Amino acid sequence: MKYCNYVVYMPRLRQIKIGRTSNAERRFNEIGRMASRLGEAEMSCMTSQAPKGIATITETELRRKYCALACNGGYEWFSGDESSFAMFCEETKLIQQQLAVALGGVCA
């Protein structure tokens, strides 16, 4: 089963959601419905495929590294703007690549 890490940015809410999933389209639809109820009209999304273990560790490392930006009550929700979104996207890919080298895995 293919997995991916994802980063979603909601500009009106100024929030970023990170995670991992095996079905990005379904997950983006779920996040979109929730964001719509809060008044968000658009979202920017990024995915990066990785084996399940690498995707899991990547999410954990992002949560640890950016815990100071986390919203109250959520480890996968962060306050941020468009530049924060870009940073999360780049950091996600970087962590995946480093893990792939260290663990001998392959990232798409």
Protein backbone atom coordinates (compact mmCIF):
# COMPACT_ATOMS: atom_id res chain seq x y z
CA MET A 1 0.00 0.00 0.00
CA LYS A 2 1.35 3.42 -0.93
CA TYR A 3 1.52 6.13 1.70
CA CYS A 4 2.27 9.80 1.56
CA ASN A 5 2.90 12.67 3.88
CA TYR A 6 0.73 15.69 3.24
CA VAL A 7 0.71 19.35 4.12
CA VAL A 8 -2.46 21.44 3.81
CA TYR A 9 -2.60 25.23 4.13
CA MET A 10 -5.82 27.13 4.82
CA PRO A 11 -5.08 30.83 4.18
CA ARG A 12 -8.18 32.40 5.74
CA LEU A 13 -7.78 30.34 8.91
CA ARG A 14 -3.98 30.75 8.78
CA GLN A 15 -3.58 27.11 9.71
CA ILE A 16 -1.47 24.26 8.41
CA LYS A 17 -2.35 20.57 8.82
CA ILE A 18 0.22 17.81 8.41
CA GLY A 19 -0.22 14.06 8.38
CA ARG A 20 0.18 10.80 6.54
CA THR A 21 -2.39 8.81 4.61
CA SER A 22 -2.82 6.02 2.11
CA ASN A 23 -5.63 7.91 0.35
CA ALA A 24 -4.77 11.59 -0.11
CA GLU A 25 -7.88 12.46 -2.12
CA ARG A 26 -10.22 11.14 0.57
CA ARG A 27 -8.21 12.85 3.32
CA PHE A 28 -8.20 16.20 1.48
CA ASN A 29 -11.97 15.94 1.03
CA GLU A 30 -12.42 15.34 4.77
CA ILE A 31 -10.18 18.28 5.68
CA GLY A 32 -11.93 20.44 3.07
CA ARG A 33 -15.37 19.73 4.54
CA MET A 34 -14.14 20.64 8.03
CA ALA A 35 -12.42 23.79 6.77
CA SER A 36 -15.52 24.81 4.82
CA ARG A 37 -17.62 24.67 8.00
CA LEU A 38 -15.10 27.11 9.54
CA GLY A 39 -15.39 29.48 6.59
CA GLU A 40 -12.36 28.45 4.53
CA ALA A 41 -12.96 28.69 0.80
CA GLU A 42 -9.63 27.42 -0.55
CA MET A 43 -6.75 25.19 0.43
CA SER A 44 -3.25 24.56 -0.86
CA CYS A 45 -2.10 20.94 -0.65
CA MET A 46 1.15 19.03 -1.08
CA THR A 47 1.82 15.30 -0.98
CA SER A 48 5.06 13.36 -1.02
CA GLN A 49 5.00 9.56 -1.31
CA ALA A 50 7.01 7.38 1.01
CA PRO A 51 6.90 3.87 2.46
CA LYS A 52 4.61 3.65 5.50
CA GLY A 53 7.44 3.60 8.06
CA ILE A 54 9.19 6.62 6.56
CA ALA A 55 5.88 8.51 6.32
CA THR A 56 5.16 7.77 9.98
CA ILE A 57 8.59 8.85 11.19
CA THR A 58 8.47 11.98 9.00
CA GLU A 59 5.19 13.07 10.57
CA THR A 60 6.56 12.44 14.06
CA GLU A 61 9.73 14.43 13.36
CA LEU A 62 7.74 17.38 11.97
CA ARG A 63 5.51 17.38 15.04
CA ARG A 64 8.53 17.37 17.36
CA LYS A 65 10.49 19.99 15.47
CA TYR A 66 7.62 22.47 15.18
CA CYS A 67 5.75 21.85 18.44
CA ALA A 68 6.13 25.57 19.32
CA LEU A 69 3.90 26.44 16.33
CA ALA A 70 1.25 23.84 17.19
CA CYS A 71 -2.29 25.00 17.82
CA ASN A 72 -3.76 24.27 21.25
CA GLY A 73 -5.11 20.74 21.45
CA GLY A 74 -3.57 19.51 18.20
CA TYR A 75 -0.22 18.00 17.36
CA GLU A 76 -0.85 18.06 13.60
CA TRP A 77 -2.31 21.57 13.35
CA PHE A 78 -0.04 24.61 13.19
CA SER A 79 -0.46 28.36 12.95
CA GLY A 80 1.23 29.76 9.89
CA ASP A 81 1.19 31.65 6.63
CA GLU A 82 2.16 30.86 3.05
CA SER A 83 5.88 30.92 3.85
CA SER A 84 5.27 28.50 6.75
CA PHE A 85 3.42 26.22 4.35
CA ALA A 86 6.39 26.28 1.95
CA MET A 87 8.74 25.52 4.87
CA PHE A 88 6.65 22.50 5.95
CA CYS A 89 6.57 21.21 2.37
CA GLU A 90 10.34 21.45 1.96
CA GLU A 91 11.03 20.03 5.42
CA THR A 92 8.72 17.07 4.74
CA LYS A 93 10.64 16.17 1.58
CA LEU A 94 14.01 16.67 3.28
CA ILE A 95 13.15 14.43 6.24
CA GLN A 96 11.82 11.73 3.89
CA GLN A 97 15.03 11.82 1.84
CA GLN A 98 17.25 11.65 4.93
CA LEU A 99 15.27 8.72 6.32
CA ALA A 100 15.34 6.91 2.99
CA VAL A 101 19.14 7.15 2.92
CA ALA A 102 19.50 6.13 6.57
CA LEU A 103 17.04 3.25 6.38
CA GLY A 104 17.72 2.11 2.82
CA GLY A 105 14.18 2.93 1.69
CA VAL A 106 13.05 4.58 -1.51
CA CYS A 107 10.92 7.74 -1.65
CA ALA A 108 9.04 8.72 -4.79
